[in-house]
Structures are given as structure tokens and as C-alpha cells.
Amino acid sequence: MYMKLYLATGMAFRQLALSFRISKSTVSTIVIEVCKAIWKNLKEKHLPTPTIEQLKNIEKKFYEKWNYPNCIGSIDGKHIRVRCPKNSDSMFFNRKQYYSIVLMAIADANYKFIMVDVGGYGKDSDGGILCSSNIYQCLENEILKIPSEKKFPNSNVIAPHVFIGDEAFPLRSYLMRPFPRHQLQDGDKMYYNYRHARSRMTIECAFGIASSKFRILLKAIETKIENVDHIVKSICILHNIIIDLEKNVTDTEYAASCREFDTSAIARRRSSRANNRATQTAINIRNKFLNFFMENKI
């Protein structure tokens, strides 16, 4: 219903512009107001801050679909192309040689966004953007309530619930990242990275699906940076609504919308400039997952 309304509204705007010759600036203002309204009125229903019970349901789905226990979300950042902002120096110029802001997001096992933060500078690494985001503040300050530790399936080993990210992110007790390249002579660690990447691809697919539905994300968005934030946030809401409406769509069909997931590309990503030094506690937690995967190969 919401998607039909969104499409109908877009068609109505175009028709009005043609019929009454409304200026581009007026149409732009209307579009941004609609984006703000989508976020304001639909966020609490379609992108609420997850509760403990919701995170438990996400964890259950991650294990059922991707065989990663105690996982409550996959995290990554997506560069959103923008027109070069005025007086921005190089703040928005990223390592891929174009201007961008970053959508930092966490996805569940069904490719829905459960938390988003929009507006990071394109020049920053994913890890650096995470550390300055509202998502990080919620995790570090325990504003986001995470379920208590629990046993792995068919095991007596107790481990916390965690998010999973790529090697650009720091290793934390609540955030697992793959083992670094120089340790991959160890076959066990290489297998862990495979299981980790297999589950982490849900956020990659979420970005791919959103881009295939809203093709404005495939080119530079030519408007003010603050307006780009509103557009991207409304797209995240509409993405979740579409996922809910397409409950009968299979993972195979969704895979066609996902960008090709190449685990070798993970190793080529730039490491975070943030403090990546892991605590012994976080290292021990990741080793628990490694041991579980080695005992339960798929």
C-alpha cells in the first residue's frame, strides 16, 4: 500500500510539473518534504529501535538461514554518490575517487535494515564512520539493549550476542570481524572467515536490493547534502516496507538484486583509522565462534 502511494505520489508530482510548469526548485522542495514525512510518520513502525525480543527473533533467523549463532545483525557502510558540495574541501571525496556521504546500516537475516545512520563523510573509513555514528554510541553506552549471553546450539559454550562486520571494523565483544590476512595460513581461521562472510553478506544484499529498487542510488544525487540525508533515510524506510510486502519472494530471487559478493574484495578494503586494537575478551569471544564452526561444519 505504501509503495503504491509512493509511486502514485511521484507520478502526481511529474504530472503537476508538466501541467502547470512548476519550477524544478518547487518540485525539489515537495520531494524533500515527502521524504521527511515518510521518515517522521513511518519510522516507528518500519524502522524502530529494536527491542530485546526483536533481536532474539533476528538471532534465531540468522542461525536458521545462515548458520551463524548469537548473531543479531550484519553491519556495513555504503557510499552514496553526491554532487560536489560547495566549500567542502576533500571531506566528501572518497578513496574511490568520487564525492559521497556514507549510509552506515545494520541488516537482519532477511535483508531489512534495523538501524541506520546517514551522513558520514566519504573520505572516512567504515570503522571511523562507525565510531562517530549514533549506532556506535548506542552500543558503547548500552542504550541499545542486547539480549543476555546464551549457549550455542547443542553446546554448553556460552557466548554473547554479536553484530558482524568486515575487517574495516574494530573487534569488540559485541562486534565480530574476520581474522586478518596474515593469519589465514591457519585453515581453521580461514574457515571461520568463510562462515563469517557468508552471514555478513545480508547487509551487502540489503544495499543491492535498495539500489535496484531505487535507482537514484546508482548515480550522483544532485541536491544539497542535507537533502541527500532525507532522501536516503526515506529510501531505507521504503526498502523495509517492500521487504515486508514481498514476504513470498525467495532468497534466490533476491540474490539477483544483490551485487556480486566476492570475499576476496574484503581483503582489499582499507582498514579503519579508528582504534582497532582488540581486547583479550573480544579475541576470546571470536575464538569461541571459531571453535563452534569447526565442530559444526556445513
C-alpha atoms as a PDB file:
ATOM      1  CA  MET A   1       0.000   0.000   0.000  1.00  0.00           C
ATOM      2  CA  TYR A   2       2.768   2.425   1.000  1.00  0.00           C
ATOM      3  CA  MET A   3       4.765   1.609  -2.103  1.00  0.00           C
ATOM      4  CA  LYS A   4       1.758   2.225  -4.359  1.00  0.00           C
ATOM      5  CA  LEU A   5       1.180   5.527  -2.577  1.00  0.00           C
ATOM      6  CA  TYR A   6       4.848   6.465  -3.034  1.00  0.00           C
ATOM      7  CA  LEU A   7       4.769   5.662  -6.756  1.00  0.00           C
ATOM      8  CA  ALA A   8       1.445   7.396  -7.225  1.00  0.00           C
ATOM      9  CA  THR A   9       2.769  10.483  -5.455  1.00  0.00           C
ATOM     10  CA  GLY A  10       5.852  10.534  -7.679  1.00  0.00           C
ATOM     11  CA  MET A  11       3.698  10.273 -10.805  1.00  0.00           C
ATOM     12  CA  ALA A  12       1.435  13.026  -9.498  1.00  0.00           C
ATOM     13  CA  PHE A  13       4.434  15.318  -8.960  1.00  0.00           C
ATOM     14  CA  ARG A  14       5.632  14.733 -12.501  1.00  0.00           C
ATOM     15  CA  GLN A  15       2.143  15.334 -13.912  1.00  0.00           C
ATOM     16  CA  LEU A  16       1.765  18.545 -11.944  1.00  0.00           C
ATOM     17  CA  ALA A  17       5.138  19.743 -13.138  1.00  0.00           C
ATOM     18  CA  LEU A  18       4.141  19.088 -16.761  1.00  0.00           C
ATOM     19  CA  SER A  19       0.622  20.511 -16.457  1.00  0.00           C
ATOM     20  CA  PHE A  20       1.375  23.663 -14.508  1.00  0.00           C
ATOM     21  CA  ARG A  21       5.041  24.068 -15.366  1.00  0.00           C
ATOM     22  CA  ILE A  22       6.106  24.021 -11.750  1.00  0.00           C
ATOM     23  CA  SER A  23       9.722  25.040 -11.351  1.00  0.00           C
ATOM     24  CA  LYS A  24      12.380  22.475 -10.548  1.00  0.00           C
ATOM     25  CA  SER A  25      13.074  24.143  -7.210  1.00  0.00           C
ATOM     26  CA  THR A  26       9.403  23.821  -6.196  1.00  0.00           C
ATOM     27  CA  VAL A  27       9.280  20.144  -7.181  1.00  0.00           C
ATOM     28  CA  SER A  28      12.535  19.585  -5.286  1.00  0.00           C
ATOM     29  CA  THR A  29      11.045  21.196  -2.181  1.00  0.00           C
ATOM     30  CA  ILE A  30       7.938  18.995  -2.408  1.00  0.00           C
ATOM     31  CA  VAL A  31      10.011  15.823  -2.814  1.00  0.00           C
ATOM     32  CA  ILE A  32      12.129  16.625   0.246  1.00  0.00           C
ATOM     33  CA  GLU A  33       9.019  17.380   2.313  1.00  0.00           C
ATOM     34  CA  VAL A  34       7.572  13.995   1.305  1.00  0.00           C
ATOM     35  CA  CYS A  35      10.846  12.280   2.285  1.00  0.00           C
ATOM     36  CA  LYS A  36      10.757  13.997   5.686  1.00  0.00           C
ATOM     37  CA  ALA A  37       7.132  12.919   6.160  1.00  0.00           C
ATOM     38  CA  ILE A  38       7.963   9.296   5.286  1.00  0.00           C
ATOM     39  CA  TRP A  39      10.704   9.230   7.916  1.00  0.00           C
ATOM     40  CA  LYS A  40       8.686  11.040  10.580  1.00  0.00           C
ATOM     41  CA  ASN A  41       5.467   9.049  10.200  1.00  0.00           C
ATOM     42  CA  LEU A  42       6.705   5.585   9.286  1.00  0.00           C
ATOM     43  CA  LYS A  43       9.997   5.168  11.156  1.00  0.00           C
ATOM     44  CA  GLU A  44       8.484   3.880  14.385  1.00  0.00           C
ATOM     45  CA  LYS A  45       6.548   1.216  12.508  1.00  0.00           C
ATOM     46  CA  HIS A  46       9.069   0.110   9.894  1.00  0.00           C
ATOM     47  CA  LEU A  47      12.474   1.042  11.344  1.00  0.00           C
ATOM     48  CA  PRO A  48      12.063   1.216  15.132  1.00  0.00           C
ATOM     49  CA  THR A  49      14.938   0.835  17.568  1.00  0.00           C
ATOM     50  CA  PRO A  50      14.974  -2.949  18.037  1.00  0.00           C
ATOM     51  CA  THR A  51      13.852  -4.365  21.358  1.00  0.00           C
ATOM     52  CA  ILE A  52      15.423  -7.353  23.115  1.00  0.00           C
ATOM     53  CA  GLU A  53      12.650  -9.614  21.843  1.00  0.00           C
ATOM     54  CA  GLN A  54      13.086  -8.402  18.281  1.00  0.00           C
ATOM     55  CA  LEU A  55      16.834  -9.011  18.488  1.00  0.00           C
ATOM     56  CA  LYS A  56      16.187 -12.525  19.768  1.00  0.00           C
ATOM     57  CA  ASN A  57      13.989 -13.180  16.731  1.00  0.00           C
ATOM     58  CA  ILE A  58      16.724 -11.816  14.451  1.00  0.00           C
ATOM     59  CA  GLU A  59      19.267 -14.104  16.120  1.00  0.00           C
ATOM     60  CA  LYS A  60      17.015 -17.098  15.547  1.00  0.00           C
ATOM     61  CA  LYS A  61      16.645 -16.253  11.844  1.00  0.00           C
ATOM     62  CA  PHE A  62      20.387 -15.750  11.389  1.00  0.00           C
ATOM     63  CA  TYR A  63      21.074 -19.231  12.679  1.00  0.00           C
ATOM     64  CA  GLU A  64      18.258 -20.826  10.689  1.00  0.00           C
ATOM     65  CA  LYS A  65      19.223 -19.175   7.392  1.00  0.00           C
ATOM     66  CA  TRP A  66      22.960 -18.521   7.676  1.00  0.00           C
ATOM     67  CA  ASN A  67      24.205 -20.901  10.421  1.00  0.00           C
ATOM     68  CA  TYR A  68      25.776 -18.147  12.497  1.00  0.00           C
ATOM     69  CA  PRO A  69      24.659 -18.438  16.143  1.00  0.00           C
ATOM     70  CA  ASN A  70      24.106 -15.499  18.506  1.00  0.00           C
ATOM     71  CA  CYS A  71      24.198 -13.021  15.588  1.00  0.00           C
ATOM     72  CA  ILE A  72      21.805 -10.078  15.833  1.00  0.00           C
ATOM     73  CA  GLY A  73      22.764  -8.158  12.712  1.00  0.00           C
ATOM     74  CA  SER A  74      25.245  -7.520   9.918  1.00  0.00           C
ATOM     75  CA  ILE A  75      26.833  -4.070   9.644  1.00  0.00           C
ATOM     76  CA  ASP A  76      28.476  -2.170   6.802  1.00  0.00           C
ATOM     77  CA  GLY A  77      28.686   1.223   5.145  1.00  0.00           C
ATOM     78  CA  LYS A  78      27.543   2.242   1.645  1.00  0.00           C
ATOM     79  CA  HIS A  79      28.874   5.264  -0.210  1.00  0.00           C
ATOM     80  CA  ILE A  80      26.061   7.383  -1.653  1.00  0.00           C
ATOM     81  CA  ARG A  81      27.265   9.428  -4.618  1.00  0.00           C
ATOM     82  CA  VAL A  82      26.618  13.174  -4.341  1.00  0.00           C
ATOM     83  CA  ARG A  83      27.377  16.274  -6.364  1.00  0.00           C
ATOM     84  CA  CYS A  84      30.496  18.018  -5.068  1.00  0.00           C
ATOM     85  CA  PRO A  85      29.293  20.166  -2.139  1.00  0.00           C
ATOM     86  CA  LYS A  86      30.348  23.821  -2.042  1.00  0.00           C
ATOM     87  CA  ASN A  87      33.287  24.690   0.228  1.00  0.00           C
ATOM     88  CA  SER A  88      33.691  21.053   1.295  1.00  0.00           C
ATOM     89  CA  ASP A  89      37.435  20.745   0.533  1.00  0.00           C
ATOM     90  CA  SER A  90      38.070  16.999   0.427  1.00  0.00           C
ATOM     91  CA  MET A  91      35.732  15.919   3.239  1.00  0.00           C
ATOM     92  CA  PHE A  92      33.343  14.144   0.863  1.00  0.00           C
ATOM     93  CA  PHE A  93      35.945  12.866  -1.646  1.00  0.00           C
ATOM     94  CA  ASN A  94      36.382   9.137  -1.051  1.00  0.00           C
ATOM     95  CA  ARG A  95      39.082   6.598  -1.885  1.00  0.00           C
ATOM     96  CA  LYS A  96      37.061   5.504  -4.948  1.00  0.00           C
ATOM     97  CA  GLN A  97      37.643   8.977  -6.417  1.00  0.00           C
ATOM     98  CA  TYR A  98      34.137  10.413  -6.215  1.00  0.00           C
ATOM     99  CA  TYR A  99      32.142  12.540  -3.754  1.00  0.00           C
ATOM    100  CA  SER A 100      29.895  10.738  -1.314  1.00  0.00           C
ATOM    101  CA  ILE A 101      28.232  10.534   2.043  1.00  0.00           C
ATOM    102  CA  VAL A 102      28.004   7.212   3.861  1.00  0.00           C
ATOM    103  CA  LEU A 103      24.968   5.214   4.881  1.00  0.00           C
ATOM    104  CA  MET A 104      26.010   3.095   7.868  1.00  0.00           C
ATOM    105  CA  ALA A 105      23.440   0.359   8.414  1.00  0.00           C
ATOM    106  CA  ILE A 106      22.716  -2.904  10.193  1.00  0.00           C
ATOM    107  CA  ALA A 107      20.606  -5.548   8.438  1.00  0.00           C
ATOM    108  CA  ASP A 108      18.783  -8.591   9.753  1.00  0.00           C
ATOM    109  CA  ALA A 109      18.786 -12.084   8.228  1.00  0.00           C
ATOM    110  CA  ASN A 110      16.016 -11.094   5.785  1.00  0.00           C
ATOM    111  CA  TYR A 111      17.854  -8.046   4.342  1.00  0.00           C
ATOM    112  CA  LYS A 112      15.809  -5.489   6.285  1.00  0.00           C
ATOM    113  CA  PHE A 113      17.528  -2.510   7.875  1.00  0.00           C
ATOM    114  CA  ILE A 114      17.229  -2.488  11.646  1.00  0.00           C
ATOM    115  CA  MET A 115      19.412   0.567  12.354  1.00  0.00           C
ATOM    116  CA  VAL A 116      20.747   3.286  10.042  1.00  0.00           C
ATOM    117  CA  ASP A 117      22.973   6.341  10.361  1.00  0.00           C
ATOM    118  CA  VAL A 118      23.273   8.686   7.374  1.00  0.00           C
ATOM    119  CA  GLY A 119      25.717  11.478   6.648  1.00  0.00           C
ATOM    120  CA  GLY A 120      29.259  10.243   7.338  1.00  0.00           C
ATOM    121  CA  TYR A 121      31.987  11.927   5.292  1.00  0.00           C
ATOM    122  CA  GLY A 122      33.018   9.989   2.201  1.00  0.00           C
ATOM    123  CA  LYS A 123      36.725  10.377   2.998  1.00  0.00           C
ATOM    124  CA  ASP A 124      36.416   8.404   6.246  1.00  0.00           C
ATOM    125  CA  SER A 125      36.762   4.626   6.571  1.00  0.00           C
ATOM    126  CA  ASP A 126      33.856   2.442   7.647  1.00  0.00           C
ATOM    127  CA  GLY A 127      35.425   1.908  11.058  1.00  0.00           C
ATOM    128  CA  GLY A 128      35.940   5.634  11.575  1.00  0.00           C
ATOM    129  CA  ILE A 129      32.383   6.418  10.486  1.00  0.00           C
ATOM    130  CA  LEU A 130      31.019   3.746  12.814  1.00  0.00           C
ATOM    131  CA  CYS A 131      32.897   5.238  15.781  1.00  0.00           C
ATOM    132  CA  SER A 132      31.337   8.657  15.153  1.00  0.00           C
ATOM    133  CA  SER A 133      27.837   7.335  14.469  1.00  0.00           C
ATOM    134  CA  ASN A 134      24.732   7.154  16.628  1.00  0.00           C
ATOM    135  CA  ILE A 135      24.843   3.372  16.201  1.00  0.00           C
ATOM    136  CA  TYR A 136      28.231   3.229  17.948  1.00  0.00           C
ATOM    137  CA  GLN A 137      27.040   5.499  20.752  1.00  0.00           C
ATOM    138  CA  CYS A 138      24.039   3.243  21.314  1.00  0.00           C
ATOM    139  CA  LEU A 139      26.307   0.184  21.541  1.00  0.00           C
ATOM    140  CA  GLU A 140      29.127   1.677  23.615  1.00  0.00           C
ATOM    141  CA  ASN A 141      26.787   3.378  26.078  1.00  0.00           C
ATOM    142  CA  GLU A 142      24.448   0.357  26.201  1.00  0.00           C
ATOM    143  CA  ILE A 143      21.498   2.459  25.045  1.00  0.00           C
ATOM    144  CA  LEU A 144      20.595  -0.398  22.721  1.00  0.00           C
ATOM    145  CA  LYS A 145      19.585  -3.276  24.958  1.00  0.00           C
ATOM    146  CA  ILE A 146      21.177  -6.503  23.725  1.00  0.00           C
ATOM    147  CA  PRO A 147      19.962  -9.940  24.864  1.00  0.00           C
ATOM    148  CA  SER A 148      21.989 -11.694  27.551  1.00  0.00           C
ATOM    149  CA  GLU A 149      24.638 -14.286  26.767  1.00  0.00           C
ATOM    150  CA  LYS A 150      23.343 -17.687  25.739  1.00  0.00           C
ATOM    151  CA  LYS A 151      24.635 -21.130  24.874  1.00  0.00           C
ATOM    152  CA  PHE A 152      25.486 -22.039  21.320  1.00  0.00           C
ATOM    153  CA  PRO A 153      23.037 -24.549  19.774  1.00  0.00           C
ATOM    154  CA  ASN A 154      23.679 -28.093  21.027  1.00  0.00           C
ATOM    155  CA  SER A 155      26.577 -26.841  23.132  1.00  0.00           C
ATOM    156  CA  ASN A 156      27.420 -25.817  26.678  1.00  0.00           C
ATOM    157  CA  VAL A 157      29.602 -22.927  25.499  1.00  0.00           C
ATOM    158  CA  ILE A 158      28.149 -19.561  26.482  1.00  0.00           C
ATOM    159  CA  ALA A 159      28.773 -16.512  24.278  1.00  0.00           C
ATOM    160  CA  PRO A 160      27.320 -13.010  23.932  1.00  0.00           C
ATOM    161  CA  HIS A 161      25.077 -11.813  21.122  1.00  0.00           C
ATOM    162  CA  VAL A 162      27.090 -10.011  18.458  1.00  0.00           C
ATOM    163  CA  PHE A 163      26.935  -7.986  15.273  1.00  0.00           C
ATOM    164  CA  ILE A 164      29.221  -8.967  12.388  1.00  0.00           C
ATOM    165  CA  GLY A 165      31.217  -6.672  10.116  1.00  0.00           C
ATOM    166  CA  ASP A 166      34.143  -6.783   7.711  1.00  0.00           C
ATOM    167  CA  GLU A 167      37.788  -6.116   8.523  1.00  0.00           C
ATOM    168  CA  ALA A 168      37.339  -2.335   8.352  1.00  0.00           C
ATOM    169  CA  PHE A 169      35.571  -2.534  11.715  1.00  0.00           C
ATOM    170  CA  PRO A 170      37.149  -2.957  15.156  1.00  0.00           C
ATOM    171  CA  LEU A 171      36.875  -6.255  17.013  1.00  0.00           C
ATOM    172  CA  ARG A 172      34.700  -5.747  20.081  1.00  0.00           C
ATOM    173  CA  SER A 173      32.867  -8.021  22.485  1.00  0.00           C
ATOM    174  CA  TYR A 174      29.638  -7.094  20.636  1.00  0.00           C
ATOM    175  CA  LEU A 175      31.158  -6.866  17.108  1.00  0.00           C
ATOM    176  CA  MET A 176      32.934  -9.706  15.319  1.00  0.00           C
ATOM    177  CA  ARG A 177      35.242  -9.121  12.349  1.00  0.00           C
ATOM    178  CA  PRO A 178      37.154 -11.677  10.233  1.00  0.00           C
ATOM    179  CA  PHE A 179      40.691 -12.773  11.030  1.00  0.00           C
ATOM    180  CA  PRO A 180      43.343 -10.628   9.275  1.00  0.00           C
ATOM    181  CA  ARG A 181      45.016 -11.870   6.100  1.00  0.00           C
ATOM    182  CA  HIS A 182      48.375 -12.623   7.691  1.00  0.00           C
ATOM    183  CA  GLN A 183      46.701 -15.221   9.934  1.00  0.00           C
ATOM    184  CA  LEU A 184      44.948 -17.131   7.168  1.00  0.00           C
ATOM    185  CA  GLN A 185      47.664 -19.771   6.821  1.00  0.00           C
ATOM    186  CA  ASP A 186      45.667 -21.351   9.622  1.00  0.00           C
ATOM    187  CA  GLY A 187      42.900 -23.364   7.939  1.00  0.00           C
ATOM    188  CA  ASP A 188      40.597 -23.023  10.954  1.00  0.00           C
ATOM    189  CA  LYS A 189      40.704 -19.241  10.759  1.00  0.00           C
ATOM    190  CA  MET A 190      40.134 -19.335   7.014  1.00  0.00           C
ATOM    191  CA  TYR A 191      37.030 -21.458   7.595  1.00  0.00           C
ATOM    192  CA  TYR A 192      35.812 -19.007  10.237  1.00  0.00           C
ATOM    193  CA  ASN A 193      36.192 -16.184   7.705  1.00  0.00           C
ATOM    194  CA  TYR A 194      34.110 -18.165   5.214  1.00  0.00           C
ATOM    195  CA  ARG A 195      31.267 -18.630   7.694  1.00  0.00           C
ATOM    196  CA  HIS A 196      31.558 -15.021   8.787  1.00  0.00           C
ATOM    197  CA  ALA A 197      31.438 -13.696   5.196  1.00  0.00           C
ATOM    198  CA  ARG A 198      28.538 -15.984   4.295  1.00  0.00           C
ATOM    199  CA  SER A 199      26.426 -14.426   7.043  1.00  0.00           C
ATOM    200  CA  ARG A 200      27.710 -10.885   6.641  1.00  0.00           C
ATOM    201  CA  MET A 201      26.520 -10.742   3.036  1.00  0.00           C
ATOM    202  CA  THR A 202      22.984  -9.919   4.253  1.00  0.00           C
ATOM    203  CA  ILE A 203      23.941  -6.247   4.556  1.00  0.00           C
ATOM    204  CA  GLU A 204      25.578  -6.343   1.108  1.00  0.00           C
ATOM    205  CA  CYS A 205      22.350  -7.758  -0.295  1.00  0.00           C
ATOM    206  CA  ALA A 206      20.259  -5.158   1.540  1.00  0.00           C
ATOM    207  CA  PHE A 207      22.246  -2.387  -0.166  1.00  0.00           C
ATOM    208  CA  GLY A 208      21.979  -4.177  -3.516  1.00  0.00           C
ATOM    209  CA  ILE A 209      18.214  -4.631  -3.238  1.00  0.00           C
ATOM    210  CA  ALA A 210      17.691  -0.994  -2.204  1.00  0.00           C
ATOM    211  CA  SER A 211      19.795   0.212  -5.141  1.00  0.00           C
ATOM    212  CA  SER A 212      17.913  -1.975  -7.622  1.00  0.00           C
ATOM    213  CA  LYS A 213      14.553  -0.656  -6.389  1.00  0.00           C
ATOM    214  CA  PHE A 214      15.619   2.989  -6.017  1.00  0.00           C
ATOM    215  CA  ARG A 215      17.998   3.608  -8.884  1.00  0.00           C
ATOM    216  CA  ILE A 216      18.740   7.128  -7.730  1.00  0.00           C
ATOM    217  CA  LEU A 217      21.347   5.395  -5.535  1.00  0.00           C
ATOM    218  CA  LEU A 218      23.239   4.308  -8.658  1.00  0.00           C
ATOM    219  CA  LYS A 219      24.186   7.847  -9.674  1.00  0.00           C
ATOM    220  CA  ALA A 220      25.227  11.095  -8.057  1.00  0.00           C
ATOM    221  CA  ILE A 221      22.333  12.761  -6.228  1.00  0.00           C
ATOM    222  CA  GLU A 222      22.357  16.393  -7.303  1.00  0.00           C
ATOM    223  CA  THR A 223      20.996  18.294  -4.345  1.00  0.00           C
ATOM    224  CA  LYS A 224      22.146  19.744  -1.033  1.00  0.00           C
ATOM    225  CA  ILE A 225      23.875  17.332   1.346  1.00  0.00           C
ATOM    226  CA  GLU A 226      21.172  17.753   3.991  1.00  0.00           C
ATOM    227  CA  ASN A 227      18.564  16.849   1.367  1.00  0.00           C
ATOM    228  CA  VAL A 228      20.516  13.719   0.416  1.00  0.00           C
ATOM    229  CA  ASP A 229      20.235  12.636   4.058  1.00  0.00           C
ATOM    230  CA  HIS A 230      16.429  12.924   3.909  1.00  0.00           C
ATOM    231  CA  ILE A 231      16.244  11.052   0.601  1.00  0.00           C
ATOM    232  CA  VAL A 232      18.408   8.170   1.815  1.00  0.00           C
ATOM    233  CA  LYS A 233      16.555   7.823   5.108  1.00  0.00           C
ATOM    234  CA  SER A 234      13.199   7.669   3.318  1.00  0.00           C
ATOM    235  CA  ILE A 235      14.600   5.023   0.951  1.00  0.00           C
ATOM    236  CA  CYS A 236      15.603   2.899   3.961  1.00  0.00           C
ATOM    237  CA  ILE A 237      12.028   3.061   5.254  1.00  0.00           C
ATOM    238  CA  LEU A 238      10.531   2.209   1.856  1.00  0.00           C
ATOM    239  CA  HIS A 239      13.046  -0.630   1.425  1.00  0.00           C
ATOM    240  CA  ASN A 240      11.786  -2.225   4.648  1.00  0.00           C
ATOM    241  CA  ILE A 241       8.161  -1.791   3.589  1.00  0.00           C
ATOM    242  CA  ILE A 242       8.873  -3.544   0.286  1.00  0.00           C
ATOM    243  CA  ILE A 243      10.610  -6.436   2.066  1.00  0.00           C
ATOM    244  CA  ASP A 244       7.530  -6.833   4.293  1.00  0.00           C
ATOM    245  CA  LEU A 245       5.197  -6.788   1.287  1.00  0.00           C
ATOM    246  CA  GLU A 246       7.321  -9.311  -0.636  1.00  0.00           C
ATOM    247  CA  LYS A 247       7.338 -11.978   2.063  1.00  0.00           C
ATOM    248  CA  ASN A 248       6.899 -14.728  -0.516  1.00  0.00           C
ATOM    249  CA  VAL A 249       9.937 -13.674  -2.550  1.00  0.00           C
ATOM    250  CA  THR A 250      12.704 -16.289  -2.245  1.00  0.00           C
ATOM    251  CA  ASP A 251      16.339 -15.695  -1.372  1.00  0.00           C
ATOM    252  CA  THR A 252      17.236 -16.874  -4.883  1.00  0.00           C
ATOM    253  CA  GLU A 253      15.127 -14.101  -6.394  1.00  0.00           C
ATOM    254  CA  TYR A 254      16.641 -11.544  -4.042  1.00  0.00           C
ATOM    255  CA  ALA A 255      20.118 -12.736  -4.956  1.00  0.00           C
ATOM    256  CA  ALA A 256      19.563 -11.379  -8.470  1.00  0.00           C
ATOM    257  CA  SER A 257      19.364  -7.882  -6.981  1.00  0.00           C
ATOM    258  CA  CYS A 258      22.431  -8.284  -4.775  1.00  0.00           C
ATOM    259  CA  ARG A 259      25.744  -7.110  -6.066  1.00  0.00           C
ATOM    260  CA  GLU A 260      28.257  -9.889  -6.601  1.00  0.00           C
ATOM    261  CA  PHE A 261      29.668 -10.884  -3.249  1.00  0.00           C
ATOM    262  CA  ASP A 262      33.396 -11.555  -3.583  1.00  0.00           C
ATOM    263  CA  THR A 263      35.096 -12.487  -0.313  1.00  0.00           C
ATOM    264  CA  SER A 264      38.455 -11.582  -1.814  1.00  0.00           C
ATOM    265  CA  ALA A 265      37.214  -7.997  -2.055  1.00  0.00           C
ATOM    266  CA  ILE A 266      37.000  -7.839   1.715  1.00  0.00           C
ATOM    267  CA  ALA A 267      40.757  -8.200   1.981  1.00  0.00           C
ATOM    268  CA  ARG A 268      41.244  -5.273  -0.393  1.00  0.00           C
ATOM    269  CA  ARG A 269      39.245  -2.843   1.686  1.00  0.00           C
ATOM    270  CA  ARG A 270      41.126  -0.159   3.538  1.00  0.00           C
ATOM    271  CA  SER A 271      41.490  -0.770   7.236  1.00  0.00           C
ATOM    272  CA  SER A 272      39.883   1.637   9.658  1.00  0.00           C
ATOM    273  CA  ARG A 273      41.866   4.547  11.020  1.00  0.00           C
ATOM    274  CA  ALA A 274      39.980   4.144  14.247  1.00  0.00           C
ATOM    275  CA  ASN A 275      41.449   2.240  17.181  1.00  0.00           C
ATOM    276  CA  ASN A 276      41.241  -1.385  16.058  1.00  0.00           C
ATOM    277  CA  ARG A 277      43.178  -2.803  18.997  1.00  0.00           C
ATOM    278  CA  ALA A 278      41.067  -5.665  20.302  1.00  0.00           C
ATOM    279  CA  THR A 279      40.739  -6.597  23.934  1.00  0.00           C
ATOM    280  CA  GLN A 280      41.580 -10.115  25.050  1.00  0.00           C
ATOM    281  CA  THR A 281      37.912 -10.564  25.901  1.00  0.00           C
ATOM    282  CA  ALA A 282      36.871  -9.840  22.308  1.00  0.00           C
ATOM    283  CA  ILE A 283      39.579 -12.176  20.962  1.00  0.00           C
ATOM    284  CA  ASN A 284      38.378 -14.967  23.260  1.00  0.00           C
ATOM    285  CA  ILE A 285      34.792 -14.474  22.127  1.00  0.00           C
ATOM    286  CA  ARG A 286      35.749 -14.750  18.461  1.00  0.00           C
ATOM    287  CA  ASN A 287      37.698 -17.939  19.267  1.00  0.00           C
ATOM    288  CA  LYS A 288      34.513 -19.394  20.750  1.00  0.00           C
ATOM    289  CA  PHE A 289      32.761 -18.831  17.431  1.00  0.00           C
ATOM    290  CA  LEU A 290      35.733 -20.314  15.571  1.00  0.00           C
ATOM    291  CA  ASN A 291      35.627 -23.469  17.702  1.00  0.00           C
ATOM    292  CA  PHE A 292      31.875 -23.772  17.228  1.00  0.00           C
ATOM    293  CA  PHE A 293      32.204 -23.517  13.447  1.00  0.00           C
ATOM    294  CA  MET A 294      34.982 -26.121  13.359  1.00  0.00           C
ATOM    295  CA  GLU A 295      32.813 -28.510  15.392  1.00  0.00           C
ATOM    296  CA  ASN A 296      29.775 -27.824  13.203  1.00  0.00           C
ATOM    297  CA  LYS A 297      30.984 -27.619   9.631  1.00  0.00           C
ATOM    298  CA  ILE A 298      28.445 -27.212   6.841  1.00  0.00           C
END
